[in-house]
């Protein structure tokens, strides 16, 4: 499943690069090449398609990345290390009534 999601992210990323490359922020790009200004619908529909493709591909990348992150196995809690760190602390503490009798004299 992770290989499939990784492949989807890679393909969507490559397609997103092409879609963004087609766009031109100054009004040019691919949409300006589709006919003369007398055409009313052609340029607007192309711009809407490119805009929707950009947002759609970005959404696919984000969702697939979140799904892959959630699916990752969690690291086991270090139970052994916790016990090892508690033992030296317990050895250094002397319960009341026990311990070095030289300090009590």
N, C-alpha and C. Protein backbone atom coordinates (compact mmCIF):
# COMPACT_ATOMS: atom_id res chain seq x y z
N UNK A 1 0.82 -1.19 0.00
CA UNK A 1 0.00 0.00 0.00
C UNK A 1 0.87 1.26 0.00
N UNK A 2 1.98 1.22 0.76
CA UNK A 2 2.86 2.38 0.80
C UNK A 2 3.53 2.62 -0.55
N UNK A 3 3.84 1.55 -1.26
CA UNK A 3 4.46 1.70 -2.58
C UNK A 3 3.46 2.36 -3.54
N UNK A 4 2.21 1.95 -3.46
CA UNK A 4 1.17 2.54 -4.31
C UNK A 4 1.00 4.02 -4.00
N UNK A 5 0.93 4.37 -2.71
CA UNK A 5 0.77 5.77 -2.33
C UNK A 5 2.00 6.60 -2.72
N UNK A 6 3.18 6.02 -2.58
CA UNK A 6 4.40 6.73 -2.99
C UNK A 6 4.41 6.98 -4.49
N UNK A 7 3.97 6.00 -5.26
CA UNK A 7 3.90 6.15 -6.71
C UNK A 7 2.90 7.23 -7.09
N UNK A 8 1.77 7.27 -6.39
CA UNK A 8 0.76 8.29 -6.65
C UNK A 8 1.32 9.68 -6.36
N UNK A 9 2.05 9.81 -5.27
CA UNK A 9 2.64 11.11 -4.91
C UNK A 9 3.66 11.53 -5.97
N UNK A 10 4.47 10.61 -6.43
CA UNK A 10 5.48 10.95 -7.44
C UNK A 10 4.82 11.36 -8.75
N UNK A 11 3.83 10.60 -9.20
CA UNK A 11 3.14 10.94 -10.45
C UNK A 11 2.41 12.28 -10.34
N UNK A 12 1.74 12.49 -9.21
CA UNK A 12 1.03 13.76 -9.02
C UNK A 12 2.01 14.92 -8.96
N UNK A 13 3.18 14.70 -8.39
CA UNK A 13 4.18 15.77 -8.33
C UNK A 13 4.70 16.13 -9.71
N UNK A 14 4.96 15.12 -10.53
CA UNK A 14 5.43 15.38 -11.89
C UNK A 14 4.35 16.09 -12.70
N UNK A 15 3.12 15.63 -12.58
CA UNK A 15 2.02 16.30 -13.29
C UNK A 15 1.83 17.73 -12.80
N UNK A 16 1.98 17.95 -11.50
CA UNK A 16 1.84 19.29 -10.95
C UNK A 16 2.92 20.22 -11.48
N UNK A 17 4.12 19.69 -11.67
CA UNK A 17 5.19 20.50 -12.25
C UNK A 17 4.80 20.94 -13.66
N UNK A 18 4.27 20.02 -14.45
CA UNK A 18 3.86 20.38 -15.82
C UNK A 18 2.70 21.37 -15.83
N UNK A 19 1.74 21.17 -14.94
CA UNK A 19 0.58 22.06 -14.91
C UNK A 19 1.01 23.47 -14.49
N UNK A 20 1.88 23.56 -13.50
CA UNK A 20 2.35 24.88 -13.08
C UNK A 20 3.22 25.51 -14.17
N UNK A 21 3.98 24.70 -14.87
CA UNK A 21 4.81 25.22 -15.95
C UNK A 21 3.95 25.78 -17.09
N UNK A 22 2.81 25.16 -17.32
CA UNK A 22 1.90 25.63 -18.37
C UNK A 22 1.31 26.99 -18.02
N UNK A 23 1.07 27.21 -16.74
CA UNK A 23 0.47 28.47 -16.30
C UNK A 23 1.48 29.60 -16.45
N UNK A 24 0.97 30.77 -16.72
CA UNK A 24 1.79 31.97 -16.78
C UNK A 24 1.10 33.02 -15.93
N UNK A 25 1.74 33.52 -14.89
CA UNK A 25 1.07 34.45 -14.00
C UNK A 25 0.70 35.79 -14.64
N UNK A 26 1.27 36.09 -15.79
CA UNK A 26 0.98 37.37 -16.44
C UNK A 26 -0.13 37.23 -17.49
N UNK A 27 -0.83 36.13 -17.49
CA UNK A 27 -1.93 35.97 -18.42
C UNK A 27 -1.55 35.25 -19.69
N UNK A 28 -0.32 34.84 -19.83
CA UNK A 28 0.10 34.13 -21.03
C UNK A 28 -0.02 32.64 -20.82
N UNK A 29 0.98 31.92 -21.18
CA UNK A 29 0.99 30.48 -20.99
C UNK A 29 0.16 29.77 -22.04
N UNK A 30 -0.23 28.57 -21.75
CA UNK A 30 -0.97 27.75 -22.69
C UNK A 30 -2.34 28.33 -22.99
N UNK A 31 -2.98 28.94 -22.01
CA UNK A 31 -4.33 29.44 -22.22
C UNK A 31 -4.37 30.59 -23.22
N UNK A 32 -3.28 31.34 -23.37
CA UNK A 32 -3.28 32.44 -24.34
C UNK A 32 -3.08 31.95 -25.77
N UNK A 33 -2.64 30.73 -25.93
CA UNK A 33 -2.39 30.19 -27.26
C UNK A 33 -3.63 29.60 -27.91
N UNK A 34 -4.73 29.53 -27.20
CA UNK A 34 -5.94 28.90 -27.73
C UNK A 34 -6.88 29.93 -28.35
N UNK A 35 -6.49 30.50 -29.41
CA UNK A 35 -7.41 31.33 -30.19
C UNK A 35 -7.23 32.81 -29.96
N UNK A 36 -8.08 33.53 -30.63
CA UNK A 36 -8.02 34.99 -30.59
C UNK A 36 -8.89 35.53 -29.46
N UNK A 37 -8.79 36.81 -29.19
CA UNK A 37 -9.63 37.40 -28.15
C UNK A 37 -11.12 37.37 -28.47
N UNK A 38 -11.46 37.11 -29.72
CA UNK A 38 -12.88 37.07 -30.07
C UNK A 38 -13.55 35.80 -29.54
N UNK A 39 -12.78 34.77 -29.20
CA UNK A 39 -13.36 33.57 -28.61
C UNK A 39 -13.66 33.85 -27.15
N UNK A 40 -14.86 33.60 -26.74
CA UNK A 40 -15.25 33.93 -25.39
C UNK A 40 -15.01 32.78 -24.41
N UNK A 41 -15.30 31.55 -24.80
CA UNK A 41 -15.26 30.45 -23.85
C UNK A 41 -13.97 29.67 -23.81
N UNK A 42 -13.19 29.64 -24.86
CA UNK A 42 -12.03 28.78 -24.94
C UNK A 42 -10.96 29.06 -23.91
N UNK A 43 -10.59 30.32 -23.76
CA UNK A 43 -9.52 30.68 -22.85
C UNK A 43 -9.97 30.50 -21.40
N UNK A 44 -11.18 30.90 -21.11
CA UNK A 44 -11.66 30.81 -19.74
C UNK A 44 -11.77 29.36 -19.29
N UNK A 45 -12.24 28.48 -20.16
CA UNK A 45 -12.37 27.07 -19.79
C UNK A 45 -10.99 26.44 -19.58
N UNK A 46 -10.02 26.81 -20.39
CA UNK A 46 -8.68 26.27 -20.23
C UNK A 46 -8.07 26.74 -18.91
N UNK A 47 -8.26 28.00 -18.58
CA UNK A 47 -7.74 28.53 -17.32
C UNK A 47 -8.39 27.85 -16.13
N UNK A 48 -9.69 27.63 -16.19
CA UNK A 48 -10.38 26.94 -15.10
C UNK A 48 -9.89 25.51 -14.95
N UNK A 49 -9.68 24.82 -16.08
CA UNK A 49 -9.19 23.44 -16.02
C UNK A 49 -7.80 23.38 -15.39
N UNK A 50 -6.92 24.29 -15.79
CA UNK A 50 -5.56 24.30 -15.25
C UNK A 50 -5.60 24.63 -13.76
N UNK A 51 -6.45 25.55 -13.37
CA UNK A 51 -6.57 25.91 -11.96
C UNK A 51 -7.10 24.73 -11.14
N UNK A 52 -8.12 24.06 -11.65
CA UNK A 52 -8.67 22.89 -10.95
C UNK A 52 -7.66 21.74 -10.90
N UNK A 53 -6.90 21.56 -11.98
CA UNK A 53 -5.88 20.51 -12.00
C UNK A 53 -4.79 20.79 -10.98
N UNK A 54 -4.41 22.05 -10.83
CA UNK A 54 -3.39 22.42 -9.86
C UNK A 54 -3.85 22.10 -8.44
N UNK A 55 -5.05 22.54 -8.10
CA UNK A 55 -5.58 22.29 -6.75
C UNK A 55 -5.85 20.81 -6.52
N UNK A 56 -6.32 20.12 -7.54
CA UNK A 56 -6.59 18.70 -7.39
C UNK A 56 -5.33 17.88 -7.15
N UNK A 57 -4.29 18.17 -7.93
CA UNK A 57 -3.03 17.44 -7.75
C UNK A 57 -2.38 17.77 -6.41
N UNK A 58 -2.46 19.02 -5.99
CA UNK A 58 -1.91 19.38 -4.68
C UNK A 58 -2.66 18.67 -3.56
N UNK A 59 -3.97 18.54 -3.69
CA UNK A 59 -4.77 17.84 -2.70
C UNK A 59 -4.42 16.36 -2.65
N UNK A 60 -4.22 15.76 -3.81
CA UNK A 60 -3.84 14.34 -3.86
C UNK A 60 -2.51 14.13 -3.15
N UNK A 61 -1.56 15.01 -3.38
CA UNK A 61 -0.24 14.88 -2.75
C UNK A 61 -0.36 15.00 -1.23
N UNK A 62 -1.12 15.98 -0.76
CA UNK A 62 -1.27 16.18 0.68
C UNK A 62 -1.97 15.00 1.33
N UNK A 63 -3.08 14.56 0.74
CA UNK A 63 -3.83 13.45 1.33
C UNK A 63 -3.02 12.15 1.34
N UNK A 64 -2.33 11.86 0.26
CA UNK A 64 -1.52 10.64 0.23
C UNK A 64 -0.38 10.71 1.24
N UNK A 65 0.20 11.88 1.41
CA UNK A 65 1.27 12.04 2.39
C UNK A 65 0.76 11.86 3.82
N UNK A 66 -0.41 12.41 4.11
CA UNK A 66 -0.99 12.25 5.44
C UNK A 66 -1.34 10.79 5.70
N UNK A 67 -1.90 10.11 4.72
CA UNK A 67 -2.25 8.70 4.88
C UNK A 67 -1.01 7.86 5.13
N UNK A 68 0.06 8.13 4.38
CA UNK A 68 1.31 7.37 4.59
C UNK A 68 1.89 7.64 5.97
N UNK A 69 1.77 8.87 6.44
CA UNK A 69 2.29 9.20 7.77
C UNK A 69 1.50 8.50 8.86
N UNK A 70 0.19 8.47 8.73
CA UNK A 70 -0.65 7.83 9.74
C UNK A 70 -0.43 6.32 9.75
N UNK A 71 -0.16 5.75 8.60
CA UNK A 71 0.03 4.30 8.50
C UNK A 71 1.38 3.82 9.01
N UNK A 72 2.31 4.71 9.28
CA UNK A 72 3.63 4.31 9.76
C UNK A 72 3.51 3.63 11.11
N UNK A 73 4.25 2.54 11.33
CA UNK A 73 4.20 1.88 12.63
C UNK A 73 4.82 2.77 13.70
N UNK A 74 4.24 2.71 14.86
CA UNK A 74 4.74 3.52 15.97
C UNK A 74 5.94 2.83 16.61
N UNK A 75 6.85 3.61 17.09
CA UNK A 75 8.03 3.06 17.75
C UNK A 75 7.62 2.47 19.10
N UNK A 76 8.13 1.29 19.43
CA UNK A 76 7.77 0.71 20.73
C UNK A 76 8.34 1.55 21.86
N UNK A 77 7.59 1.58 22.95
CA UNK A 77 8.05 2.35 24.10
C UNK A 77 9.25 1.65 24.73
N UNK A 78 10.27 2.37 25.07
CA UNK A 78 11.50 1.76 25.62
C UNK A 78 11.29 1.33 27.07
N UNK A 79 10.65 0.18 27.27
CA UNK A 79 10.36 -0.32 28.60
C UNK A 79 11.65 -0.73 29.30
N UNK A 80 12.56 -1.39 28.61
CA UNK A 80 13.80 -1.86 29.21
C UNK A 80 14.67 -0.69 29.65
N UNK A 81 14.75 0.35 28.84
CA UNK A 81 15.57 1.49 29.19
C UNK A 81 15.00 2.21 30.40
N UNK A 82 13.70 2.25 30.51
CA UNK A 82 13.06 2.91 31.64
C UNK A 82 13.40 2.18 32.92
N UNK A 83 13.38 0.85 32.91
CA UNK A 83 13.71 0.07 34.08
C UNK A 83 15.18 0.26 34.44
N UNK A 84 16.05 0.35 33.47
CA UNK A 84 17.47 0.52 33.74
C UNK A 84 17.76 1.88 34.34
N UNK A 85 17.04 2.90 33.91
CA UNK A 85 17.28 4.23 34.46
C UNK A 85 16.72 4.35 35.87
N UNK A 86 15.70 3.60 36.22
CA UNK A 86 15.13 3.65 37.56
C UNK A 86 16.00 2.92 38.57
N UNK A 87 16.68 1.86 38.20
CA UNK A 87 17.46 1.06 39.12
C UNK A 87 18.60 1.85 39.76
N UNK A 88 19.41 2.62 39.04
CA UNK A 88 20.46 3.37 39.71
C UNK A 88 19.90 4.41 40.68
N UNK A 89 18.79 5.00 40.37
CA UNK A 89 18.18 5.98 41.26
C UNK A 89 17.68 5.33 42.53
N UNK A 90 17.20 4.11 42.46
CA UNK A 90 16.70 3.41 43.63
C UNK A 90 17.85 2.93 44.49
N UNK A 91 18.97 2.59 43.92
CA UNK A 91 20.11 2.11 44.68
C UNK A 91 20.76 3.25 45.46
N UNK A 92 20.71 4.43 44.96
CA UNK A 92 21.33 5.56 45.61
C UNK A 92 20.52 6.07 46.79
N UNK A 93 19.26 5.74 46.88
CA UNK A 93 18.41 6.19 47.97
C UNK A 93 18.44 5.16 49.10
N UNK A 94 18.59 5.62 50.32
CA UNK A 94 18.57 4.74 51.48
C UNK A 94 17.25 4.92 52.20
N UNK A 95 16.52 3.83 52.44
CA UNK A 95 15.28 3.95 53.19
C UNK A 95 15.57 4.38 54.62
N UNK A 96 14.59 4.94 55.28
CA UNK A 96 14.76 5.42 56.65
C UNK A 96 15.12 4.25 57.57
N UNK A 97 16.08 4.46 58.46
CA UNK A 97 16.48 3.42 59.39
C UNK A 97 17.58 2.52 58.84
N UNK A 98 17.91 2.63 57.58
CA UNK A 98 18.96 1.81 57.00
C UNK A 98 20.03 2.72 56.44
N UNK A 99 21.18 2.18 56.23
CA UNK A 99 22.22 2.95 55.57
C UNK A 99 23.43 3.10 56.45
N UNK A 100 24.12 4.17 56.23
CA UNK A 100 25.37 4.43 56.90
C UNK A 100 25.12 4.84 58.36
N UNK A 101 25.60 4.06 59.30
CA UNK A 101 25.37 4.34 60.73
C UNK A 101 26.41 5.29 61.26
N UNK A 102 27.47 5.58 60.53
CA UNK A 102 28.51 6.47 61.01
C UNK A 102 27.99 7.92 61.08
N UNK A 103 27.08 8.29 60.20
CA UNK A 103 26.54 9.64 60.21
C UNK A 103 25.60 9.85 61.40
N UNK A 104 25.03 8.78 61.95
CA UNK A 104 24.10 8.91 63.05
C UNK A 104 24.81 9.08 64.39
N UNK A 105 26.08 8.80 64.50
CA UNK A 105 26.80 8.89 65.77
C UNK A 105 27.33 10.25 66.06
